[in-house]
Amino acid sequence: MARDVPLPPDDEMVERLRGGDEAAFALVLDRWSPSMLRLARSFVSTNATAEEVVQEAWLAVIQGLARFEGRASLKTWVFRILVNTAKTRGAKESRTLPFSSLLPEDEGPTVDPSRFRSSDPHPGHWNPGQRPQPWMLPEDAALNTEVRAVLAEALSALPDRHRIVVTLRDIEGHGSDEVCDMLNISPGNQRVILHRARAAVRTRLESYFSAAAAQHQDAP
């Protein structure tokens, strides 16, 4: 399958794409389109519109290959085009996402302050029993499916831009510099948004694992 074939270096891939190599285009289309669709969906209201955004982005990529200068990786450049296309479509739907500055949703404590000690001898340390516990992922396939569902639910509950940043970093595997470049945000803002997104997801999973552990203890 095309997804099992390693991509050639950017300079070779760009040359092949500029030369109209259909196999090269099919390779990147198959490899990147699922991630592009997930990202586009965060900017627009329907799956159908997200698919249109991806199609428009690929058309813009083909038309703009002559202008690609290699200042960023080819993938980053493609995803930047996707983001710009999705933002334009999202603006028409009044779903604009102001990434450039922090919003009220980025303020306040990330973790419930009651979980920390407020007095000596260890102010700021975890209260007894409040330290996050390491998780043992279930081996059972059904439970793994349940965990994935909880994770998907936690991601869907995030504010749009939190979901976009954590998806790009932790699911799609992009580096912080790439995400800042794609979304045109500062490294500091990217760190704040990512930290809060991860904390929210962790809190939801923590609740799930705590409930699962209690249910297991109560089982005969």
N, C-alpha and C. Protein backbone atom coordinates (compact mmCIF):
# COMPACT_ATOMS: atom_id res chain seq x y z
N MET A 1 0.84 -1.19 0.00
CA MET A 1 0.00 0.00 0.00
C MET A 1 0.87 1.24 0.00
N ALA A 2 0.32 2.36 -0.53
CA ALA A 2 1.11 3.59 -0.64
C ALA A 2 1.56 4.11 0.71
N ARG A 3 0.76 3.87 1.76
CA ARG A 3 1.11 4.41 3.07
C ARG A 3 2.30 3.68 3.69
N ASP A 4 2.63 2.52 3.15
CA ASP A 4 3.79 1.79 3.65
C ASP A 4 5.08 2.17 2.92
N VAL A 5 4.96 2.97 1.88
CA VAL A 5 6.12 3.36 1.09
C VAL A 5 6.72 4.64 1.68
N PRO A 6 8.00 4.64 2.04
CA PRO A 6 8.60 5.86 2.60
C PRO A 6 8.65 6.97 1.55
N LEU A 7 8.41 8.18 2.00
CA LEU A 7 8.47 9.32 1.09
C LEU A 7 9.91 9.67 0.77
N PRO A 8 10.21 10.04 -0.46
CA PRO A 8 11.56 10.48 -0.81
C PRO A 8 11.84 11.84 -0.19
N PRO A 9 13.10 12.30 -0.20
CA PRO A 9 13.42 13.63 0.32
C PRO A 9 12.61 14.72 -0.39
N ASP A 10 12.44 15.85 0.29
CA ASP A 10 11.59 16.91 -0.25
C ASP A 10 12.03 17.38 -1.62
N ASP A 11 13.35 17.55 -1.81
CA ASP A 11 13.80 18.08 -3.10
C ASP A 11 13.43 17.14 -4.24
N GLU A 12 13.56 15.83 -4.00
CA GLU A 12 13.18 14.86 -5.02
C GLU A 12 11.68 14.86 -5.24
N MET A 13 10.92 14.90 -4.14
CA MET A 13 9.47 14.88 -4.26
C MET A 13 8.96 16.11 -4.99
N VAL A 14 9.50 17.27 -4.67
CA VAL A 14 9.07 18.50 -5.33
C VAL A 14 9.37 18.44 -6.82
N GLU A 15 10.54 17.94 -7.16
CA GLU A 15 10.90 17.83 -8.58
C GLU A 15 9.94 16.89 -9.31
N ARG A 16 9.60 15.78 -8.67
CA ARG A 16 8.68 14.84 -9.29
C ARG A 16 7.28 15.44 -9.44
N LEU A 17 6.85 16.16 -8.42
CA LEU A 17 5.53 16.78 -8.49
C LEU A 17 5.48 17.87 -9.56
N ARG A 18 6.53 18.65 -9.64
CA ARG A 18 6.58 19.69 -10.66
C ARG A 18 6.62 19.08 -12.06
N GLY A 19 7.15 17.89 -12.15
CA GLY A 19 7.21 17.21 -13.44
C GLY A 19 5.94 16.46 -13.80
N GLY A 20 4.93 16.56 -12.95
CA GLY A 20 3.66 15.89 -13.24
C GLY A 20 3.65 14.40 -12.96
N ASP A 21 4.51 13.96 -12.05
CA ASP A 21 4.59 12.54 -11.71
C ASP A 21 3.33 12.14 -10.93
N GLU A 22 2.44 11.40 -11.57
CA GLU A 22 1.17 11.03 -10.93
C GLU A 22 1.39 10.10 -9.74
N ALA A 23 2.38 9.23 -9.82
CA ALA A 23 2.65 8.31 -8.71
C ALA A 23 3.10 9.07 -7.48
N ALA A 24 3.91 10.11 -7.67
CA ALA A 24 4.37 10.92 -6.54
C ALA A 24 3.20 11.66 -5.91
N PHE A 25 2.32 12.20 -6.75
CA PHE A 25 1.17 12.92 -6.22
C PHE A 25 0.25 11.96 -5.48
N ALA A 26 0.03 10.77 -6.01
CA ALA A 26 -0.81 9.78 -5.34
C ALA A 26 -0.23 9.40 -3.98
N LEU A 27 1.10 9.38 -3.91
CA LEU A 27 1.77 9.00 -2.66
C LEU A 27 1.49 10.02 -1.56
N VAL A 28 1.71 11.32 -1.84
CA VAL A 28 1.48 12.34 -0.81
C VAL A 28 -0.01 12.51 -0.56
N LEU A 29 -0.82 12.34 -1.58
CA LEU A 29 -2.27 12.46 -1.41
C LEU A 29 -2.77 11.40 -0.44
N ASP A 30 -2.32 10.18 -0.62
CA ASP A 30 -2.74 9.09 0.25
C ASP A 30 -2.18 9.24 1.66
N ARG A 31 -0.94 9.74 1.76
CA ARG A 31 -0.26 9.83 3.06
C ARG A 31 -0.80 10.98 3.91
N TRP A 32 -1.08 12.12 3.30
CA TRP A 32 -1.39 13.32 4.07
C TRP A 32 -2.86 13.68 4.12
N SER A 33 -3.65 13.22 3.18
CA SER A 33 -5.06 13.66 3.12
C SER A 33 -5.87 13.32 4.37
N PRO A 34 -5.72 12.14 5.00
CA PRO A 34 -6.50 11.87 6.21
C PRO A 34 -6.22 12.89 7.32
N SER A 35 -4.94 13.24 7.52
CA SER A 35 -4.60 14.24 8.54
C SER A 35 -5.15 15.61 8.15
N MET A 36 -5.07 15.93 6.87
CA MET A 36 -5.57 17.21 6.40
C MET A 36 -7.08 17.31 6.61
N LEU A 37 -7.77 16.20 6.40
CA LEU A 37 -9.22 16.20 6.58
C LEU A 37 -9.58 16.42 8.05
N ARG A 38 -8.86 15.76 8.95
CA ARG A 38 -9.13 15.94 10.38
C ARG A 38 -8.87 17.38 10.79
N LEU A 39 -7.81 17.97 10.28
CA LEU A 39 -7.49 19.35 10.63
C LEU A 39 -8.53 20.31 10.04
N ALA A 40 -8.89 20.11 8.79
CA ALA A 40 -9.88 20.99 8.16
C ALA A 40 -11.21 20.95 8.89
N ARG A 41 -11.56 19.78 9.41
CA ARG A 41 -12.85 19.63 10.10
C ARG A 41 -12.94 20.52 11.34
N SER A 42 -11.82 20.90 11.90
CA SER A 42 -11.83 21.76 13.08
C SER A 42 -12.18 23.20 12.74
N PHE A 43 -12.07 23.55 11.46
CA PHE A 43 -12.33 24.93 11.04
C PHE A 43 -13.72 25.12 10.46
N VAL A 44 -14.34 24.06 10.00
CA VAL A 44 -15.61 24.17 9.29
C VAL A 44 -16.66 23.30 9.97
N SER A 45 -17.92 23.46 9.51
CA SER A 45 -19.03 22.88 10.27
C SER A 45 -19.43 21.48 9.85
N THR A 46 -19.03 21.02 8.67
CA THR A 46 -19.46 19.70 8.22
C THR A 46 -18.30 18.93 7.60
N ASN A 47 -18.45 17.61 7.57
CA ASN A 47 -17.44 16.77 6.93
C ASN A 47 -17.35 17.05 5.43
N ALA A 48 -18.51 17.31 4.82
CA ALA A 48 -18.52 17.59 3.38
C ALA A 48 -17.72 18.85 3.07
N THR A 49 -17.89 19.87 3.89
CA THR A 49 -17.13 21.11 3.67
C THR A 49 -15.65 20.87 3.90
N ALA A 50 -15.30 20.06 4.89
CA ALA A 50 -13.89 19.75 5.16
C ALA A 50 -13.29 19.04 3.96
N GLU A 51 -14.03 18.15 3.34
CA GLU A 51 -13.53 17.46 2.14
C GLU A 51 -13.30 18.45 1.00
N GLU A 52 -14.19 19.41 0.86
CA GLU A 52 -14.01 20.44 -0.16
C GLU A 52 -12.77 21.27 0.12
N VAL A 53 -12.54 21.59 1.40
CA VAL A 53 -11.36 22.36 1.78
C VAL A 53 -10.08 21.61 1.40
N VAL A 54 -10.06 20.31 1.67
CA VAL A 54 -8.88 19.51 1.33
C VAL A 54 -8.67 19.50 -0.19
N GLN A 55 -9.73 19.35 -0.94
CA GLN A 55 -9.61 19.36 -2.39
C GLN A 55 -9.08 20.70 -2.89
N GLU A 56 -9.61 21.80 -2.33
CA GLU A 56 -9.15 23.14 -2.72
C GLU A 56 -7.68 23.33 -2.35
N ALA A 57 -7.30 22.81 -1.19
CA ALA A 57 -5.91 22.94 -0.75
C ALA A 57 -4.96 22.21 -1.69
N TRP A 58 -5.33 20.98 -2.09
CA TRP A 58 -4.47 20.24 -3.02
C TRP A 58 -4.37 20.94 -4.36
N LEU A 59 -5.46 21.54 -4.81
CA LEU A 59 -5.41 22.29 -6.06
C LEU A 59 -4.46 23.47 -5.93
N ALA A 60 -4.53 24.16 -4.78
CA ALA A 60 -3.63 25.28 -4.54
C ALA A 60 -2.17 24.82 -4.46
N VAL A 61 -1.96 23.62 -3.91
CA VAL A 61 -0.60 23.06 -3.84
C VAL A 61 -0.05 22.85 -5.26
N ILE A 62 -0.84 22.22 -6.10
CA ILE A 62 -0.41 21.95 -7.47
C ILE A 62 -0.10 23.25 -8.21
N GLN A 63 -0.98 24.23 -8.03
CA GLN A 63 -0.80 25.51 -8.72
C GLN A 63 0.37 26.31 -8.15
N GLY A 64 0.72 26.05 -6.90
CA GLY A 64 1.76 26.85 -6.26
C GLY A 64 3.12 26.19 -6.16
N LEU A 65 3.28 24.98 -6.71
CA LEU A 65 4.55 24.27 -6.59
C LEU A 65 5.73 25.06 -7.14
N ALA A 66 5.50 25.84 -8.18
CA ALA A 66 6.60 26.62 -8.75
C ALA A 66 7.12 27.66 -7.78
N ARG A 67 6.29 28.04 -6.80
CA ARG A 67 6.69 29.07 -5.84
C ARG A 67 7.26 28.47 -4.55
N PHE A 68 7.27 27.14 -4.43
CA PHE A 68 7.81 26.52 -3.23
C PHE A 68 9.32 26.73 -3.18
N GLU A 69 9.79 27.33 -2.07
CA GLU A 69 11.20 27.70 -1.95
C GLU A 69 11.97 26.82 -0.97
N GLY A 70 11.30 25.91 -0.30
CA GLY A 70 11.99 25.02 0.61
C GLY A 70 12.36 25.64 1.94
N ARG A 71 11.77 26.77 2.29
CA ARG A 71 12.08 27.38 3.59
C ARG A 71 11.50 26.56 4.74
N ALA A 72 10.43 25.85 4.47
CA ALA A 72 9.86 24.89 5.42
C ALA A 72 9.80 23.56 4.70
N SER A 73 9.50 22.51 5.43
CA SER A 73 9.36 21.21 4.79
C SER A 73 8.16 21.24 3.84
N LEU A 74 8.16 20.33 2.89
CA LEU A 74 7.05 20.27 1.95
C LEU A 74 5.74 20.02 2.69
N LYS A 75 5.77 19.13 3.68
CA LYS A 75 4.54 18.83 4.42
C LYS A 75 4.04 20.05 5.16
N THR A 76 4.94 20.78 5.81
CA THR A 76 4.54 22.00 6.52
C THR A 76 3.92 23.00 5.56
N TRP A 77 4.53 23.15 4.40
CA TRP A 77 4.03 24.08 3.39
C TRP A 77 2.63 23.67 2.93
N VAL A 78 2.43 22.38 2.69
CA VAL A 78 1.11 21.89 2.27
C VAL A 78 0.07 22.14 3.36
N PHE A 79 0.43 21.85 4.60
CA PHE A 79 -0.53 22.02 5.69
C PHE A 79 -0.81 23.50 5.94
N ARG A 80 0.16 24.37 5.69
CA ARG A 80 -0.08 25.80 5.83
C ARG A 80 -1.11 26.26 4.81
N ILE A 81 -0.99 25.74 3.59
CA ILE A 81 -1.99 26.06 2.57
C ILE A 81 -3.37 25.56 3.00
N LEU A 82 -3.40 24.35 3.56
CA LEU A 82 -4.67 23.81 4.04
C LEU A 82 -5.27 24.71 5.12
N VAL A 83 -4.46 25.13 6.08
CA VAL A 83 -4.96 25.97 7.17
C VAL A 83 -5.52 27.28 6.61
N ASN A 84 -4.79 27.90 5.70
CA ASN A 84 -5.26 29.16 5.13
C ASN A 84 -6.57 28.96 4.37
N THR A 85 -6.66 27.85 3.63
CA THR A 85 -7.89 27.55 2.90
C THR A 85 -9.04 27.30 3.87
N ALA A 86 -8.77 26.56 4.94
CA ALA A 86 -9.80 26.25 5.93
C ALA A 86 -10.24 27.50 6.68
N LYS A 87 -9.29 28.38 6.98
CA LYS A 87 -9.64 29.62 7.67
C LYS A 87 -10.57 30.47 6.79
N THR A 88 -10.26 30.55 5.52
CA THR A 88 -11.09 31.32 4.60
C THR A 88 -12.51 30.76 4.56
N ARG A 89 -12.62 29.44 4.45
CA ARG A 89 -13.94 28.82 4.42
C ARG A 89 -14.63 28.97 5.78
N GLY A 90 -13.86 28.83 6.86
CA GLY A 90 -14.44 28.98 8.19
C GLY A 90 -14.95 30.38 8.43
N ALA A 91 -14.26 31.39 7.89
CA ALA A 91 -14.70 32.77 8.04
C ALA A 91 -16.05 32.99 7.38
N LYS A 92 -16.28 32.32 6.26
CA LYS A 92 -17.57 32.44 5.58
C LYS A 92 -18.67 31.83 6.43
N GLU A 93 -18.30 30.85 7.27
CA GLU A 93 -19.28 30.21 8.16
C GLU A 93 -19.28 30.86 9.54
N SER A 94 -18.53 31.97 9.67
CA SER A 94 -18.39 32.67 10.96
C SER A 94 -17.77 31.77 12.01
N ARG A 95 -16.85 30.91 11.59
CA ARG A 95 -16.11 30.06 12.53
C ARG A 95 -14.63 30.45 12.50
N THR A 96 -14.35 31.72 12.73
CA THR A 96 -12.97 32.18 12.73
C THR A 96 -12.30 31.77 14.03
N LEU A 97 -11.01 31.44 13.96
CA LEU A 97 -10.26 31.02 15.13
C LEU A 97 -9.07 31.95 15.33
N PRO A 98 -9.16 32.88 16.27
CA PRO A 98 -8.06 33.83 16.47
C PRO A 98 -6.89 33.21 17.21
N PHE A 99 -5.97 32.61 16.48
CA PHE A 99 -4.83 31.93 17.10
C PHE A 99 -3.78 32.91 17.63
N SER A 100 -3.70 34.09 17.06
CA SER A 100 -2.54 34.95 17.30
C SER A 100 -2.41 35.43 18.73
N SER A 101 -3.51 35.53 19.47
CA SER A 101 -3.44 36.01 20.84
C SER A 101 -4.18 35.04 21.75
N LEU A 102 -3.83 35.06 23.03
CA LEU A 102 -4.47 34.17 23.98
C LEU A 102 -5.86 34.70 24.33
N LEU A 103 -6.77 33.78 24.61
CA LEU A 103 -8.15 34.11 24.91
C LEU A 103 -8.45 33.78 26.37
N PRO A 104 -9.62 34.21 26.89
CA PRO A 104 -9.97 33.87 28.29
C PRO A 104 -9.90 32.38 28.58
N GLU A 105 -10.16 31.54 27.58
CA GLU A 105 -10.11 30.09 27.79
C GLU A 105 -8.70 29.61 28.10
N ASP A 106 -7.69 30.45 27.85
CA ASP A 106 -6.30 30.09 28.11
C ASP A 106 -5.82 30.60 29.47
N GLU A 107 -6.72 31.20 30.22
CA GLU A 107 -6.36 31.76 31.52
C GLU A 107 -6.91 30.90 32.64
N GLY A 108 -6.48 31.21 33.87
CA GLY A 108 -6.95 30.45 35.02
C GLY A 108 -6.13 29.20 35.25
N PRO A 109 -6.36 28.53 36.37
CA PRO A 109 -5.57 27.33 36.70
C PRO A 109 -5.87 26.18 35.76
N THR A 110 -4.82 25.45 35.40
CA THR A 110 -4.98 24.29 34.53
C THR A 110 -5.48 23.09 35.31
N VAL A 111 -5.02 22.96 36.56
CA VAL A 111 -5.42 21.86 37.44
C VAL A 111 -6.13 22.46 38.64
N ASP A 112 -7.14 21.78 39.14
CA ASP A 112 -7.90 22.24 40.30
C ASP A 112 -6.95 22.59 41.44
N PRO A 113 -6.94 23.86 41.90
CA PRO A 113 -6.00 24.26 42.96
C PRO A 113 -6.16 23.46 44.25
N SER A 114 -7.36 22.89 44.48
CA SER A 114 -7.58 22.14 45.72
C SER A 114 -6.73 20.88 45.79
N ARG A 115 -6.15 20.48 44.67
CA ARG A 115 -5.31 19.28 44.66
C ARG A 115 -3.90 19.55 45.19
N PHE A 116 -3.59 20.83 45.45
CA PHE A 116 -2.26 21.20 45.91
C PHE A 116 -2.30 21.69 47.36
N ARG A 117 -1.22 21.52 48.06
CA ARG A 117 -1.11 22.03 49.42
C ARG A 117 -0.96 23.55 49.37
N SER A 118 -1.62 24.23 50.29
CA SER A 118 -1.57 25.69 50.32
C SER A 118 -0.81 26.24 51.51
N SER A 119 -0.31 25.36 52.37
CA SER A 119 0.39 25.83 53.56
C SER A 119 1.64 24.98 53.81
N ASP A 120 2.46 25.41 54.70
CA ASP A 120 3.68 24.69 55.05
C ASP A 120 3.33 23.31 55.59
N PRO A 121 4.25 22.36 55.55
CA PRO A 121 5.65 22.53 55.15
C PRO A 121 5.93 22.35 53.66
N HIS A 122 4.93 22.03 52.86
CA HIS A 122 5.17 21.78 51.43
C HIS A 122 4.15 22.51 50.56
N PRO A 123 4.11 23.85 50.62
CA PRO A 123 3.13 24.57 49.80
C PRO A 123 3.37 24.34 48.31
N GLY A 124 2.28 24.16 47.58
CA GLY A 124 2.38 23.95 46.14
C GLY A 124 2.58 22.51 45.74
N HIS A 125 2.85 21.62 46.71
CA HIS A 125 2.99 20.20 46.39
C HIS A 125 1.61 19.54 46.36
N TRP A 126 1.57 18.34 45.78
CA TRP A 126 0.31 17.62 45.71
C TRP A 126 -0.21 17.27 47.10
N ASN A 127 -1.53 17.39 47.30
CA ASN A 127 -2.15 16.89 48.50
C ASN A 127 -2.12 15.36 48.48
N PRO A 128 -2.17 14.72 49.65
CA PRO A 128 -2.16 13.26 49.68
C PRO A 128 -3.32 12.69 48.85
N GLY A 129 -3.00 11.73 48.01
CA GLY A 129 -4.01 11.09 47.20
C GLY A 129 -4.42 11.86 45.95
N GLN A 130 -3.81 13.03 45.74
CA GLN A 130 -4.20 13.86 44.59
C GLN A 130 -3.17 13.84 43.46
N ARG A 131 -2.04 13.19 43.69
CA ARG A 131 -1.03 13.13 42.64
C ARG A 131 -1.54 12.29 41.48
N PRO A 132 -1.33 12.76 40.23
CA PRO A 132 -1.76 11.94 39.08
C PRO A 132 -1.11 10.57 39.11
N GLN A 133 -1.90 9.56 38.85
CA GLN A 133 -1.41 8.20 38.89
C GLN A 133 -1.00 7.71 37.50
N PRO A 134 0.05 6.88 37.43
CA PRO A 134 0.40 6.30 36.12
C PRO A 134 -0.72 5.37 35.66
N TRP A 135 -0.92 5.36 34.37
CA TRP A 135 -2.01 4.56 33.81
C TRP A 135 -1.45 3.31 33.15
N MET A 136 -2.11 2.18 33.41
CA MET A 136 -1.81 0.95 32.70
C MET A 136 -2.90 0.78 31.65
N LEU A 137 -2.56 0.94 30.40
CA LEU A 137 -3.56 0.79 29.36
C LEU A 137 -4.09 -0.63 29.33
N PRO A 138 -5.40 -0.80 29.20
CA PRO A 138 -5.99 -2.15 29.21
C PRO A 138 -5.53 -2.96 28.01
N GLU A 139 -5.30 -4.26 28.26
CA GLU A 139 -4.89 -5.14 27.18
C GLU A 139 -6.08 -5.64 26.39
N ASP A 140 -7.24 -5.68 27.02
CA ASP A 140 -8.42 -6.19 26.35
C ASP A 140 -8.81 -5.27 25.19
N ALA A 141 -9.11 -5.85 24.05
CA ALA A 141 -9.42 -5.06 22.86
C ALA A 141 -10.65 -4.19 23.07
N ALA A 142 -11.66 -4.72 23.77
CA ALA A 142 -12.88 -3.95 24.00
C ALA A 142 -12.58 -2.72 24.86
N LEU A 143 -11.73 -2.91 25.88
CA LEU A 143 -11.39 -1.78 26.74
C LEU A 143 -10.55 -0.75 25.98
N ASN A 144 -9.65 -1.24 25.13
CA ASN A 144 -8.87 -0.31 24.32
C ASN A 144 -9.78 0.53 23.44
N THR A 145 -10.81 -0.09 22.89
CA THR A 145 -11.77 0.64 22.08
C THR A 145 -12.50 1.67 22.93
N GLU A 146 -12.82 1.30 24.16
CA GLU A 146 -13.50 2.23 25.06
C GLU A 146 -12.61 3.42 25.40
N VAL A 147 -11.33 3.16 25.63
CA VAL A 147 -10.40 4.25 25.93
C VAL A 147 -10.30 5.20 24.74
N ARG A 148 -10.23 4.64 23.55
CA ARG A 148 -10.16 5.50 22.36
C ARG A 148 -11.41 6.36 22.24
N ALA A 149 -12.57 5.79 22.61
CA ALA A 149 -13.80 6.56 22.55
C ALA A 149 -13.78 7.70 23.57
N VAL A 150 -13.25 7.42 24.76
CA VAL A 150 -13.15 8.46 25.79
C VAL A 150 -12.19 9.56 25.32
N LEU A 151 -11.08 9.16 24.70
CA LEU A 151 -10.13 10.13 24.19
C LEU A 151 -10.76 11.00 23.11
N ALA A 152 -11.50 10.37 22.20
CA ALA A 152 -12.16 11.13 21.14
C ALA A 152 -13.17 12.11 21.73
N GLU A 153 -13.88 11.67 22.75
CA GLU A 153 -14.84 12.54 23.41
C GLU A 153 -14.14 13.72 24.08
N ALA A 154 -13.01 13.44 24.72
CA ALA A 154 -12.26 14.51 25.38
C ALA A 154 -11.75 15.53 24.37
N LEU A 155 -11.26 15.05 23.23
CA LEU A 155 -10.78 15.97 22.19
C LEU A 155 -11.90 16.80 21.61
N SER A 156 -13.06 16.17 21.38
CA SER A 156 -14.18 16.91 20.79
C SER A 156 -14.71 17.98 21.72
N ALA A 157 -14.50 17.81 23.03
CA ALA A 157 -15.00 18.78 24.00
C ALA A 157 -14.08 20.00 24.14
N LEU A 158 -12.89 19.93 23.57
CA LEU A 158 -11.95 21.04 23.69
C LEU A 158 -12.40 22.23 22.85
N PRO A 159 -12.01 23.45 23.25
CA PRO A 159 -12.20 24.59 22.34
C PRO A 159 -11.49 24.30 21.02
N ASP A 160 -12.00 24.86 19.94
CA ASP A 160 -11.51 24.51 18.61
C ASP A 160 -10.00 24.60 18.50
N ARG A 161 -9.42 25.72 18.89
CA ARG A 161 -7.99 25.88 18.65
C ARG A 161 -7.16 25.01 19.57
N HIS A 162 -7.68 24.68 20.77
CA HIS A 162 -6.99 23.73 21.63
C HIS A 162 -6.94 22.37 20.94
N ARG A 163 -8.08 21.96 20.37
CA ARG A 163 -8.14 20.66 19.70
C ARG A 163 -7.20 20.63 18.49
N ILE A 164 -7.13 21.74 17.75
CA ILE A 164 -6.28 21.79 16.58
C ILE A 164 -4.81 21.63 16.97
N VAL A 165 -4.39 22.37 17.99
CA VAL A 165 -2.98 22.33 18.39
C VAL A 165 -2.60 20.96 18.94
N VAL A 166 -3.41 20.41 19.83
CA VAL A 166 -3.05 19.11 20.41
C VAL A 166 -3.14 18.00 19.35
N THR A 167 -4.04 18.14 18.39
CA THR A 167 -4.11 17.16 17.30
C THR A 167 -2.85 17.22 16.44
N LEU A 168 -2.43 18.42 16.10
CA LEU A 168 -1.22 18.55 15.28
C LEU A 168 0.01 18.04 16.02
N ARG A 169 0.13 18.35 17.31
CA ARG A 169 1.32 17.97 18.06
C ARG A 169 1.32 16.50 18.45
N ASP A 170 0.25 16.03 19.09
CA ASP A 170 0.27 14.72 19.74
C ASP A 170 -0.34 13.60 18.91
N ILE A 171 -1.16 13.94 17.93
CA ILE A 171 -1.76 12.89 17.10
C ILE A 171 -1.07 12.82 15.74
N GLU A 172 -0.87 13.98 15.13
CA GLU A 172 -0.22 14.01 13.82
C GLU A 172 1.30 14.04 13.91
N GLY A 173 1.84 14.39 15.10
CA GLY A 173 3.28 14.31 15.32
C GLY A 173 4.10 15.47 14.78
N HIS A 174 3.48 16.62 14.56
CA HIS A 174 4.24 17.78 14.09
C HIS A 174 5.02 18.41 15.24
N GLY A 175 6.17 18.98 14.93
CA GLY A 175 6.96 19.67 15.92
C GLY A 175 6.38 21.03 16.25
N SER A 176 6.84 21.62 17.35
CA SER A 176 6.30 22.91 17.78
C SER A 176 6.56 23.99 16.74
N ASP A 177 7.74 24.00 16.12
CA ASP A 177 8.04 25.01 15.11
C ASP A 177 7.11 24.87 13.91
N GLU A 178 6.82 23.63 13.52
CA GLU A 178 5.92 23.41 12.39
C GLU A 178 4.52 23.94 12.70
N VAL A 179 4.04 23.66 13.91
CA VAL A 179 2.69 24.09 14.29
C VAL A 179 2.61 25.61 14.34
N CYS A 180 3.64 26.24 14.90
CA CYS A 180 3.66 27.71 14.94
C CYS A 180 3.63 28.28 13.52
N ASP A 181 4.35 27.64 12.64
CA ASP A 181 4.41 28.10 11.25
C ASP A 181 3.08 27.90 10.56
N MET A 182 2.46 26.73 10.75
CA MET A 182 1.18 26.45 10.11
C MET A 182 0.08 27.41 10.57
N LEU A 183 0.05 27.66 11.88
CA LEU A 183 -1.05 28.42 12.47
C LEU A 183 -0.72 29.89 12.69
N ASN A 184 0.53 30.26 12.40
CA ASN A 184 0.97 31.64 12.56
C ASN A 184 0.77 32.12 14.00
N ILE A 185 1.29 31.34 14.94
CA ILE A 185 1.22 31.71 16.35
C ILE A 185 2.63 31.71 16.93
N SER A 186 2.79 32.39 18.05
CA SER A 186 4.10 32.47 18.68
C SER A 186 4.38 31.18 19.44
N PRO A 187 5.67 30.86 19.65
CA PRO A 187 6.00 29.65 20.42
C PRO A 187 5.38 29.68 21.81
N GLY A 188 5.34 30.86 22.45
CA GLY A 188 4.76 30.95 23.79
C GLY A 188 3.28 30.62 23.79
N ASN A 189 2.54 31.16 22.82
CA ASN A 189 1.11 30.86 22.75
C ASN A 189 0.87 29.39 22.43
N GLN A 190 1.70 28.84 21.55
CA GLN A 190 1.55 27.42 21.23
C GLN A 190 1.75 26.57 22.47
N ARG A 191 2.72 26.92 23.31
CA ARG A 191 2.97 26.14 24.53
C ARG A 191 1.78 26.23 25.48
N VAL A 192 1.23 27.44 25.65
CA VAL A 192 0.10 27.62 26.57
C VAL A 192 -1.11 26.82 26.09
N ILE A 193 -1.43 26.94 24.81
CA ILE A 193 -2.60 26.24 24.26
C ILE A 193 -2.41 24.73 24.37
N LEU A 194 -1.21 24.25 24.02
CA LEU A 194 -0.95 22.81 24.08
C LEU A 194 -1.03 22.31 25.52
N HIS A 195 -0.46 23.06 26.45
CA HIS A 195 -0.47 22.64 27.84
C HIS A 195 -1.89 22.52 28.36
N ARG A 196 -2.73 23.49 28.05
CA ARG A 196 -4.10 23.46 28.55
C ARG A 196 -4.90 22.35 27.88
N ALA A 197 -4.64 22.12 26.60
CA ALA A 197 -5.34 21.04 25.90
C ALA A 197 -4.95 19.68 26.49
N ARG A 198 -3.65 19.47 26.71
CA ARG A 198 -3.20 18.21 27.27
C ARG A 198 -3.77 18.01 28.68
N ALA A 199 -3.82 19.08 29.46
CA ALA A 199 -4.32 18.98 30.83
C ALA A 199 -5.80 18.60 30.83
N ALA A 200 -6.57 19.18 29.92
CA ALA A 200 -8.00 18.86 29.85
C ALA A 200 -8.22 17.41 29.45
N VAL A 201 -7.45 16.94 28.47
CA VAL A 201 -7.59 15.55 28.04
C VAL A 201 -7.15 14.61 29.17
N ARG A 202 -6.06 14.96 29.83
CA ARG A 202 -5.58 14.12 30.92
C ARG A 202 -6.62 14.04 32.05
N THR A 203 -7.27 15.15 32.36
CA THR A 203 -8.28 15.16 33.42
C THR A 203 -9.43 14.23 33.08
N ARG A 204 -9.85 14.26 31.81
CA ARG A 204 -10.95 13.38 31.39
C ARG A 204 -10.52 11.92 31.47
N LEU A 205 -9.32 11.61 31.02
CA LEU A 205 -8.86 10.22 31.08
C LEU A 205 -8.63 9.78 32.52
N GLU A 206 -8.16 10.71 33.35
CA GLU A 206 -7.95 10.39 34.76
C GLU A 206 -9.26 9.99 35.42
N SER A 207 -10.33 10.72 35.10
CA SER A 207 -11.64 10.39 35.65
C SER A 207 -12.09 9.01 35.18
N TYR A 208 -11.84 8.73 33.91
CA TYR A 208 -12.24 7.42 33.36
C TYR A 208 -11.49 6.29 34.06
N PHE A 209 -10.17 6.42 34.20
CA PHE A 209 -9.39 5.35 34.80
C PHE A 209 -9.70 5.19 36.29
N SER A 210 -10.00 6.31 36.97
CA SER A 210 -10.37 6.21 38.38
C SER A 210 -11.69 5.45 38.54
N ALA A 211 -12.66 5.76 37.68
CA ALA A 211 -13.94 5.08 37.73
C ALA A 211 -13.78 3.61 37.38
N ALA A 212 -12.93 3.32 36.39
CA ALA A 212 -12.71 1.93 35.99
C ALA A 212 -12.05 1.14 37.12
N ALA A 213 -11.09 1.79 37.83
CA ALA A 213 -10.42 1.12 38.94
C ALA A 213 -11.39 0.84 40.07
N ALA A 214 -12.27 1.82 40.36
CA ALA A 214 -13.25 1.61 41.43
C ALA A 214 -14.22 0.50 41.09
N GLN A 215 -14.62 0.44 39.82
CA GLN A 215 -15.54 -0.61 39.38
C GLN A 215 -14.87 -1.99 39.48
N HIS A 216 -13.58 -2.02 39.17
CA HIS A 216 -12.86 -3.29 39.25
C HIS A 216 -12.75 -3.76 40.69
N GLN A 217 -12.53 -2.82 41.63
CA GLN A 217 -12.42 -3.19 43.04
C GLN A 217 -13.75 -3.68 43.59
N ASP A 218 -14.85 -3.12 43.09
CA ASP A 218 -16.18 -3.51 43.59
C ASP A 218 -16.68 -4.81 42.98
N ALA A 219 -16.01 -5.24 41.91
CA ALA A 219 -16.45 -6.46 41.23
C ALA A 219 -16.22 -7.67 42.14
N PRO A 220 -17.11 -8.66 42.13
CA PRO A 220 -16.94 -9.85 43.00
C PRO A 220 -15.79 -10.70 42.53
